[in-house]
Structures are given as C-alpha cells and as structure tokens.
PDB file of N, CA and C in Angstrom:
ATOM      1  N   MET A   1      -9.489   5.087 -17.488  1.00  0.00           N
ATOM      2  CA  MET A   1     -10.140   4.872 -16.384  1.00  0.00           C
ATOM      3  C   MET A   1      -9.649   5.011 -15.036  1.00  0.00           C
ATOM      4  N   PRO A   2     -10.110   5.337 -14.275  1.00  0.00           N
ATOM      5  CA  PRO A   2      -9.841   5.361 -12.634  1.00  0.00           C
ATOM      6  C   PRO A   2      -9.891   4.060 -11.983  1.00  0.00           C
ATOM      7  N   TRP A   3     -11.072   3.722 -12.470  1.00  0.00           N
ATOM      8  CA  TRP A   3     -11.754   2.353 -11.529  1.00  0.00           C
ATOM      9  C   TRP A   3     -10.734   1.244 -12.465  1.00  0.00           C
ATOM     10  N   LEU A   4     -10.050   1.372 -13.058  1.00  0.00           N
ATOM     11  CA  LEU A   4      -8.958   0.529 -13.562  1.00  0.00           C
ATOM     12  C   LEU A   4      -7.756   0.290 -13.072  1.00  0.00           C
ATOM     13  N   LEU A   5      -7.356   1.796 -12.396  1.00  0.00           N
ATOM     14  CA  LEU A   5      -6.079   2.111 -11.815  1.00  0.00           C
ATOM     15  C   LEU A   5      -6.451   1.485 -10.544  1.00  0.00           C
ATOM     16  N   LEU A   6      -7.824   1.785  -9.749  1.00  0.00           N
ATOM     17  CA  LEU A   6      -7.784   1.510  -8.616  1.00  0.00           C
ATOM     18  C   LEU A   6      -7.868  -0.712  -8.486  1.00  0.00           C
ATOM     19  N   LEU A   7      -8.199  -1.320  -9.574  1.00  0.00           N
ATOM     20  CA  LEU A   7      -8.242  -2.350  -9.219  1.00  0.00           C
ATOM     21  C   LEU A   7      -6.758  -2.983  -9.568  1.00  0.00           C
ATOM     22  N   GLN A   8      -5.731  -2.292 -10.372  1.00  0.00           N
ATOM     23  CA  GLN A   8      -4.406  -2.913 -10.641  1.00  0.00           C
ATOM     24  C   GLN A   8      -4.024  -2.175  -9.317  1.00  0.00           C
ATOM     25  N   ALA A   9      -4.230  -1.453  -8.808  1.00  0.00           N
ATOM     26  CA  ALA A   9      -3.346  -1.039  -7.198  1.00  0.00           C
ATOM     27  C   ALA A   9      -4.071  -2.237  -6.094  1.00  0.00           C
ATOM     28  N   ALA A  10      -4.896  -2.491  -6.552  1.00  0.00           N
ATOM     29  CA  ALA A  10      -5.532  -3.668  -5.551  1.00  0.00           C
ATOM     30  C   ALA A  10      -4.816  -4.851  -5.506  1.00  0.00           C
ATOM     31  N   MET A  11      -4.930  -5.547  -6.937  1.00  0.00           N
ATOM     32  CA  MET A  11      -4.551  -6.248  -6.943  1.00  0.00           C
ATOM     33  C   MET A  11      -2.518  -6.334  -6.584  1.00  0.00           C
ATOM     34  N   THR A  12      -1.919  -5.536  -6.923  1.00  0.00           N
ATOM     35  CA  THR A  12      -0.356  -4.968  -6.387  1.00  0.00           C
ATOM     36  C   THR A  12       0.085  -5.371  -5.029  1.00  0.00           C
ATOM     37  N   VAL A  13      -1.237  -4.355  -4.552  1.00  0.00           N
ATOM     38  CA  VAL A  13      -0.529  -4.740  -2.915  1.00  0.00           C
ATOM     39  C   VAL A  13      -1.649  -5.985  -2.656  1.00  0.00           C
ATOM     40  N   ASP A  14      -2.563  -6.582  -3.153  1.00  0.00           N
ATOM     41  CA  ASP A  14      -2.956  -7.871  -2.693  1.00  0.00           C
ATOM     42  C   ASP A  14      -1.592  -8.740  -2.868  1.00  0.00           C
ATOM     43  N   ARG A  15      -1.040  -8.835  -4.177  1.00  0.00           N
ATOM     44  CA  ARG A  15      -0.107  -9.630  -4.298  1.00  0.00           C
ATOM     45  C   ARG A  15       0.914  -9.401  -3.202  1.00  0.00           C
ATOM     46  N   ARG A  16       1.385  -8.615  -2.691  1.00  0.00           N
ATOM     47  CA  ARG A  16       2.426  -8.361  -1.947  1.00  0.00           C
ATOM     48  C   ARG A  16       2.101  -8.738  -0.409  1.00  0.00           C
ATOM     49  N   ARG A  17       0.691  -8.661   0.009  1.00  0.00           N
ATOM     50  CA  ARG A  17      -0.023  -8.385   1.145  1.00  0.00           C
ATOM     51  C   ARG A  17       0.597 -10.397   1.195  1.00  0.00           C
ATOM     52  N   ARG A  18       0.438 -11.181  -0.124  1.00  0.00           N
ATOM     53  CA  ARG A  18       0.382 -12.292   0.280  1.00  0.00           C
ATOM     54  C   ARG A  18       1.632 -13.094   0.591  1.00  0.00           C
ATOM     55  N   LEU A  19       2.674 -11.971   0.405  1.00  0.00           N
ATOM     56  CA  LEU A  19       4.106 -12.839   0.646  1.00  0.00           C
ATOM     57  C   LEU A  19       4.293 -12.552   2.318  1.00  0.00           C
ATOM     58  N   LEU A  20       3.621 -12.142   3.099  1.00  0.00           N
ATOM     59  CA  LEU A  20       3.484 -11.804   4.423  1.00  0.00           C
ATOM     60  C   LEU A  20       3.443 -13.234   4.900  1.00  0.00           C
ATOM     61  N   SER A  21       3.612 -13.694   6.012  1.00  0.00           N
ATOM     62  CA  SER A  21       3.084 -14.620   6.846  1.00  0.00           C
ATOM     63  C   SER A  21       1.881 -14.652   7.549  1.00  0.00           C
ATOM     64  N   LYS A  22       1.058 -15.636   7.750  1.00  0.00           N
ATOM     65  CA  LYS A  22       0.025 -15.636   7.898  1.00  0.00           C
ATOM     66  C   LYS A  22      -0.229 -14.645   9.633  1.00  0.00           C
ATOM     67  N   GLN A  23       0.639 -14.838  10.207  1.00  0.00           N
ATOM     68  CA  GLN A  23       0.822 -14.425  11.558  1.00  0.00           C
ATOM     69  C   GLN A  23       1.088 -12.796  11.342  1.00  0.00           C
ATOM     70  N   GLU A  24       1.933 -12.437  10.250  1.00  0.00           N
ATOM     71  CA  GLU A  24       2.091 -11.003   9.823  1.00  0.00           C
ATOM     72  C   GLU A  24       1.022 -10.494   9.386  1.00  0.00           C
ATOM     73  N   ARG A  25       0.264 -10.846   8.692  1.00  0.00           N
ATOM     74  CA  ARG A  25      -0.755 -10.501   7.981  1.00  0.00           C
ATOM     75  C   ARG A  25      -1.819 -10.013   9.209  1.00  0.00           C
ATOM     76  N   SER A  26      -2.353 -11.006  10.183  1.00  0.00           N
ATOM     77  CA  SER A  26      -3.343 -10.809  11.182  1.00  0.00           C
ATOM     78  C   SER A  26      -2.465  -9.519  12.037  1.00  0.00           C
ATOM     79  N   ARG A  27      -1.371  -9.967  12.572  1.00  0.00           N
ATOM     80  CA  ARG A  27      -0.735  -8.427  12.855  1.00  0.00           C
ATOM     81  C   ARG A  27      -0.758  -7.251  12.296  1.00  0.00           C
ATOM     82  N   LEU A  28      -0.549  -6.887  11.437  1.00  0.00           N
ATOM     83  CA  LEU A  28      -0.816  -6.106  10.850  1.00  0.00           C
ATOM     84  C   LEU A  28      -2.165  -6.012  10.396  1.00  0.00           C
ATOM     85  N   ALA A  29      -3.405  -6.130  10.680  1.00  0.00           N
ATOM     86  CA  ALA A  29      -4.656  -5.789  10.545  1.00  0.00           C
ATOM     87  C   ALA A  29      -4.890  -5.377  12.074  1.00  0.00           C
ATOM     88  N   GLN A  30      -4.019  -5.945  13.148  1.00  0.00           N
ATOM     89  CA  GLN A  30      -4.445  -5.607  14.142  1.00  0.00           C
ATOM     90  C   GLN A  30      -3.990  -3.900  14.439  1.00  0.00           C
ATOM     91  N   LEU A  31      -2.567  -4.400  14.128  1.00  0.00           N
ATOM     92  CA  LEU A  31      -1.976  -2.658  14.394  1.00  0.00           C
ATOM     93  C   LEU A  31      -2.455  -1.855  13.739  1.00  0.00           C
ATOM     94  N   LEU A  32      -3.197  -2.106  12.362  1.00  0.00           N
ATOM     95  CA  LEU A  32      -3.777  -1.043  11.664  1.00  0.00           C
ATOM     96  C   LEU A  32      -5.380  -0.558  12.282  1.00  0.00           C
ATOM     97  N   ARG A  33      -5.713  -1.517  12.920  1.00  0.00           N
ATOM     98  CA  ARG A  33      -7.354  -1.223  13.769  1.00  0.00           C
ATOM     99  C   ARG A  33      -7.010  -0.524  14.737  1.00  0.00           C
ATOM    100  N   LYS A  34      -5.965  -0.665  15.792  1.00  0.00           N
ATOM    101  CA  LYS A  34      -5.384   0.027  16.855  1.00  0.00           C
ATOM    102  C   LYS A  34      -5.403   1.524  16.450  1.00  0.00           C
ATOM    103  N   SER A  35      -4.280   1.496  15.602  1.00  0.00           N
ATOM    104  CA  SER A  35      -3.749   3.108  15.207  1.00  0.00           C
ATOM    105  C   SER A  35      -5.444   3.617  14.579  1.00  0.00           C
ATOM    106  N   LYS A  36      -5.760   3.562  13.622  1.00  0.00           N
ATOM    107  CA  LYS A  36      -7.077   4.184  13.380  1.00  0.00           C
ATOM    108  C   LYS A  36      -6.784   5.080  12.500  1.00  0.00           C
ATOM    109  N   GLY A  37      -5.473   4.899  12.143  1.00  0.00           N
ATOM    110  CA  GLY A  37      -4.734   5.558  11.018  1.00  0.00           C
ATOM    111  C   GLY A  37      -3.683   6.758  11.774  1.00  0.00           C
ATOM    112  N   LYS A  38      -3.806   6.497  12.764  1.00  0.00           N
ATOM    113  CA  LYS A  38      -2.856   7.776  13.509  1.00  0.00           C
ATOM    114  C   LYS A  38      -1.583   7.079  14.511  1.00  0.00           C
ATOM    115  N   PRO A  39      -0.292   7.058  13.552  1.00  0.00           N
ATOM    116  CA  PRO A  39       0.460   6.071  14.593  1.00  0.00           C
ATOM    117  C   PRO A  39       0.944   6.439  15.615  1.00  0.00           C
ATOM    118  N   GLY A  40       0.279   7.572  16.272  1.00  0.00           N
ATOM    119  CA  GLY A  40       0.245   8.390  17.764  1.00  0.00           C
ATOM    120  C   GLY A  40      -0.567   7.266  18.755  1.00  0.00           C
ATOM    121  N   ASN A  41      -1.145   6.610  18.009  1.00  0.00           N
ATOM    122  CA  ASN A  41      -2.031   5.701  18.860  1.00  0.00           C
ATOM    123  C   ASN A  41      -1.584   4.443  19.152  1.00  0.00           C
ATOM    124  N   LEU A  42      -0.399   4.405  18.529  1.00  0.00           N
ATOM    125  CA  LEU A  42       0.525   3.180  18.816  1.00  0.00           C
ATOM    126  C   LEU A  42       1.398   2.965  19.609  1.00  0.00           C
ATOM    127  N   SER A  43       2.261   2.336  20.833  1.00  0.00           N
ATOM    128  CA  SER A  43       3.317   2.180  21.305  1.00  0.00           C
ATOM    129  C   SER A  43       4.119   2.468  20.552  1.00  0.00           C
ATOM    130  N   ALA A  44       5.430   2.765  21.095  1.00  0.00           N
ATOM    131  CA  ALA A  44       7.228   3.036  20.283  1.00  0.00           C
ATOM    132  C   ALA A  44       7.158   1.448  19.442  1.00  0.00           C
ATOM    133  N   LEU A  45       6.759   0.431  20.653  1.00  0.00           N
ATOM    134  CA  LEU A  45       7.329  -0.970  20.152  1.00  0.00           C
ATOM    135  C   LEU A  45       6.365  -1.021  18.854  1.00  0.00           C
ATOM    136  N   GLU A  46       5.022  -0.893  18.850  1.00  0.00           N
ATOM    137  CA  GLU A  46       3.981  -1.294  17.986  1.00  0.00           C
ATOM    138  C   GLU A  46       4.311  -0.466  16.644  1.00  0.00           C
ATOM    139  N   ARG A  47       4.618   0.818  16.942  1.00  0.00           N
ATOM    140  CA  ARG A  47       5.246   1.302  15.934  1.00  0.00           C
ATOM    141  C   ARG A  47       6.286   0.934  14.852  1.00  0.00           C
ATOM    142  N   GLU A  48       7.415   0.305  15.697  1.00  0.00           N
ATOM    143  CA  GLU A  48       8.385  -0.336  15.139  1.00  0.00           C
ATOM    144  C   GLU A  48       7.904  -1.745  14.573  1.00  0.00           C
ATOM    145  N   GLU A  49       7.236  -2.575  15.306  1.00  0.00           N
ATOM    146  CA  GLU A  49       6.404  -3.591  14.570  1.00  0.00           C
ATOM    147  C   GLU A  49       6.201  -3.214  13.227  1.00  0.00           C
ATOM    148  N   LEU A  50       5.216  -2.345  13.423  1.00  0.00           N
ATOM    149  CA  LEU A  50       4.259  -1.622  12.220  1.00  0.00           C
ATOM    150  C   LEU A  50       5.319  -1.428  11.058  1.00  0.00           C
ATOM    151  N   GLY A  51       6.101  -0.697  11.273  1.00  0.00           N
ATOM    152  CA  GLY A  51       7.229  -0.645  10.342  1.00  0.00           C
ATOM    153  C   GLY A  51       8.176  -1.633   9.546  1.00  0.00           C
ATOM    154  N   ALA A  52       8.313  -2.387  10.362  1.00  0.00           N
ATOM    155  CA  ALA A  52       9.148  -3.899  10.082  1.00  0.00           C
ATOM    156  C   ALA A  52       8.090  -4.516   8.825  1.00  0.00           C
ATOM    157  N   ILE A  53       6.937  -4.647   9.607  1.00  0.00           N
ATOM    158  CA  ILE A  53       6.033  -5.663   8.443  1.00  0.00           C
ATOM    159  C   ILE A  53       5.912  -4.678   7.264  1.00  0.00           C
ATOM    160  N   VAL A  54       5.401  -3.309   7.509  1.00  0.00           N
ATOM    161  CA  VAL A  54       5.255  -2.384   5.908  1.00  0.00           C
ATOM    162  C   VAL A  54       6.652  -2.579   5.387  1.00  0.00           C
ATOM    163  N   THR A  55       7.787  -2.379   5.704  1.00  0.00           N
ATOM    164  CA  THR A  55       9.131  -2.885   5.086  1.00  0.00           C
ATOM    165  C   THR A  55       8.912  -3.561   3.943  1.00  0.00           C
ATOM    166  N   LYS A  56       8.387  -5.095   4.626  1.00  0.00           N
ATOM    167  CA  LYS A  56       8.331  -6.478   3.786  1.00  0.00           C
ATOM    168  C   LYS A  56       7.260  -5.863   2.476  1.00  0.00           C
ATOM    169  N   LEU A  57       6.471  -5.314   2.782  1.00  0.00           N
ATOM    170  CA  LEU A  57       5.567  -4.765   1.555  1.00  0.00           C
ATOM    171  C   LEU A  57       5.997  -4.085   0.495  1.00  0.00           C
ATOM    172  N   ASP A  58       6.972  -3.502   0.479  1.00  0.00           N
ATOM    173  CA  ASP A  58       7.901  -2.850  -0.328  1.00  0.00           C
ATOM    174  C   ASP A  58       6.904  -1.981  -1.171  1.00  0.00           C
ATOM    175  N   LEU A  59       6.386  -1.111  -0.226  1.00  0.00           N
ATOM    176  CA  LEU A  59       5.488   0.158  -0.836  1.00  0.00           C
ATOM    177  C   LEU A  59       6.675   0.928  -1.818  1.00  0.00           C
ATOM    178  N   LEU A  60       7.873   1.162  -1.952  1.00  0.00           N
ATOM    179  CA  LEU A  60       8.649   1.535  -3.367  1.00  0.00           C
ATOM    180  C   LEU A  60       8.669   0.626  -4.549  1.00  0.00           C
ATOM    181  N   GLY A  61       8.196  -0.640  -4.238  1.00  0.00           N
ATOM    182  CA  GLY A  61       7.860  -1.085  -5.157  1.00  0.00           C
ATOM    183  C   GLY A  61       6.723  -1.170  -6.072  1.00  0.00           C
ATOM    184  N   ILE A  62       5.705  -1.166  -4.885  1.00  0.00           N
ATOM    185  CA  ILE A  62       4.551  -1.185  -5.422  1.00  0.00           C
ATOM    186  C   ILE A  62       4.291   0.294  -6.148  1.00  0.00           C
ATOM    187  N   GLY A  63       4.778   1.462  -5.842  1.00  0.00           N
ATOM    188  CA  GLY A  63       4.762   2.586  -6.500  1.00  0.00           C
ATOM    189  C   GLY A  63       5.317   2.535  -7.588  1.00  0.00           C
ATOM    190  N   ARG A  64       6.541   1.826  -8.207  1.00  0.00           N
ATOM    191  CA  ARG A  64       7.554   1.381  -9.325  1.00  0.00           C
ATOM    192  C   ARG A  64       6.104   1.015 -10.313  1.00  0.00           C
ATOM    193  N   GLU A  65       5.659  -0.392  -9.421  1.00  0.00           N
ATOM    194  CA  GLU A  65       4.679  -0.998 -10.716  1.00  0.00           C
ATOM    195  C   GLU A  65       3.495  -0.238 -10.985  1.00  0.00           C
ATOM    196  N   LEU A  66       3.505   0.576 -10.252  1.00  0.00           N
ATOM    197  CA  LEU A  66       2.177   1.340 -10.538  1.00  0.00           C
ATOM    198  C   LEU A  66       2.008   2.665 -11.114  1.00  0.00           C
ATOM    199  N   MET A  67       3.536   2.890 -11.436  1.00  0.00           N
ATOM    200  CA  MET A  67       4.046   4.483 -11.868  1.00  0.00           C
ATOM    201  C   MET A  67       3.769   4.530 -13.712  1.00  0.00           C
ATOM    202  N   PRO A  68       3.426   2.957 -14.642  1.00  0.00           N
ATOM    203  CA  PRO A  68       3.062   3.467 -15.480  1.00  0.00           C
ATOM    204  C   PRO A  68       1.736   3.700 -15.816  1.00  0.00           C
ATOM    205  N   PHE A  69       0.668   3.292 -14.745  1.00  0.00           N
ATOM    206  CA  PHE A  69      -0.745   3.558 -14.793  1.00  0.00           C
ATOM    207  C   PHE A  69      -0.727   4.930 -14.555  1.00  0.00           C
ATOM    208  N   ALA A  70       0.051   5.425 -13.769  1.00  0.00           N
ATOM    209  CA  ALA A  70      -0.823   6.865 -13.440  1.00  0.00           C
ATOM    210  C   ALA A  70       0.227   7.827 -14.502  1.00  0.00           C
ATOM    211  N   ARG A  71       1.263   7.552 -15.476  1.00  0.00           N
ATOM    212  CA  ARG A  71       1.802   8.792 -16.507  1.00  0.00           C
ATOM    213  C   ARG A  71       0.733   8.448 -17.331  1.00  0.00           C
ATOM    214  N   ALA A  72      -0.112   7.656 -17.682  1.00  0.00           N
ATOM    215  CA  ALA A  72      -0.984   7.273 -18.852  1.00  0.00           C
ATOM    216  C   ALA A  72      -1.910   8.639 -18.993  1.00  0.00           C
ATOM    217  N   PRO A  73      -2.127   8.796 -20.586  1.00  0.00           N
ATOM    218  CA  PRO A  73      -2.596  10.130 -20.819  1.00  0.00           C
ATOM    219  C   PRO A  73      -4.271   9.473 -20.407  1.00  0.00           C
ATOM    220  N   ARG A  74      -5.133  11.005 -19.787  1.00  0.00           N
ATOM    221  CA  ARG A  74      -6.380  10.602 -19.441  1.00  0.00           C
ATOM    222  C   ARG A  74      -7.036  11.170 -20.399  1.00  0.00           C
ATOM    223  N   ALA A  75      -8.452  10.673 -20.523  1.00  0.00           N
ATOM    224  CA  ALA A  75      -9.204  11.182 -21.680  1.00  0.00           C
ATOM    225  C   ALA A  75      -9.616  12.824 -21.437  1.00  0.00           C
ATOM    226  N   GLY A  76      -9.537  13.272 -22.275  1.00  0.00           N
ATOM    227  CA  GLY A  76      -9.543  15.001 -22.487  1.00  0.00           C
ATOM    228  C   GLY A  76      -8.216  15.495 -21.980  1.00  0.00           C
ATOM    229  N   SER A  77      -7.324  14.738 -21.486  1.00  0.00           N
ATOM    230  CA  SER A  77      -5.781  15.859 -21.174  1.00  0.00           C
ATOM    231  C   SER A  77      -4.638  15.483 -22.091  1.00  0.00           C
ATOM    232  N   SER A  78      -3.823  16.462 -22.409  1.00  0.00           N
ATOM    233  CA  SER A  78      -3.263  16.594 -23.650  1.00  0.00           C
ATOM    234  C   SER A  78      -1.448  15.945 -23.488  1.00  0.00           C
ATOM    235  N   GLY A  79      -1.472  15.385 -21.962  1.00  0.00           N
ATOM    236  CA  GLY A  79      -0.503  15.189 -21.314  1.00  0.00           C
ATOM    237  C   GLY A  79      -0.202  13.975 -20.183  1.00  0.00           C
ATOM    238  N   PRO A  80       0.897  13.758 -20.029  1.00  0.00           N
ATOM    239  CA  PRO A  80       1.209  13.114 -18.454  1.00  0.00           C
ATOM    240  C   PRO A  80       0.418  13.272 -17.479  1.00  0.00           C
ATOM    241  N   ALA A  81      -0.308  12.967 -16.517  1.00  0.00           N
ATOM    242  CA  ALA A  81      -0.892  13.335 -15.239  1.00  0.00           C
ATOM    243  C   ALA A  81       0.410  13.921 -14.305  1.00  0.00           C
ATOM    244  N   GLU A  82       0.000  15.266 -13.664  1.00  0.00           N
ATOM    245  CA  GLU A  82       0.778  15.911 -13.079  1.00  0.00           C
ATOM    246  C   GLU A  82       0.454  15.583 -11.683  1.00  0.00           C
TER     247      GLU A  82
END
C-alpha cells in the first residue's frame, strides 16, 4: 500500500529531524522557505549552511531504512519494484 510507505517515510524523516537542535530545525525551515526548492535562490554561504544541516539528517541512512519497503512486491506485481 503506497500510503503505508509514505507513513513509514514520514516517520523515518521525522525521527532524523528530531536529532537536530531546535536552532538547526528552525534554520533548516527558514532556508527551505527562502529557497522555494531552488538552491540558486540561496547565497553560497546559505547553501553551505543548508548542506551542513542536511548532512546531519543522513539522507543515505534514511534511504537504507526505507529500502526494504521499496523492494516489497506490490499487488498485481510479479517481482520487486523497478
């Protein structure tokens, strides 16, 4: 069920987000709002700052945690998701 994968992803990301300090979470939100999804909207210093905070989230670790869910066979599928 896709909604179950979304729920698991949200819980995983939230668990990692809570590992950041309150100041880091606040700054991350500010930078994401300012960028509007485009890194070019940030200064070089802000991009560095964003990169440092995102590194602490360990996106590769999040991906590893979610990998078993992505490989689970889907209804009507005859194998792993491609």
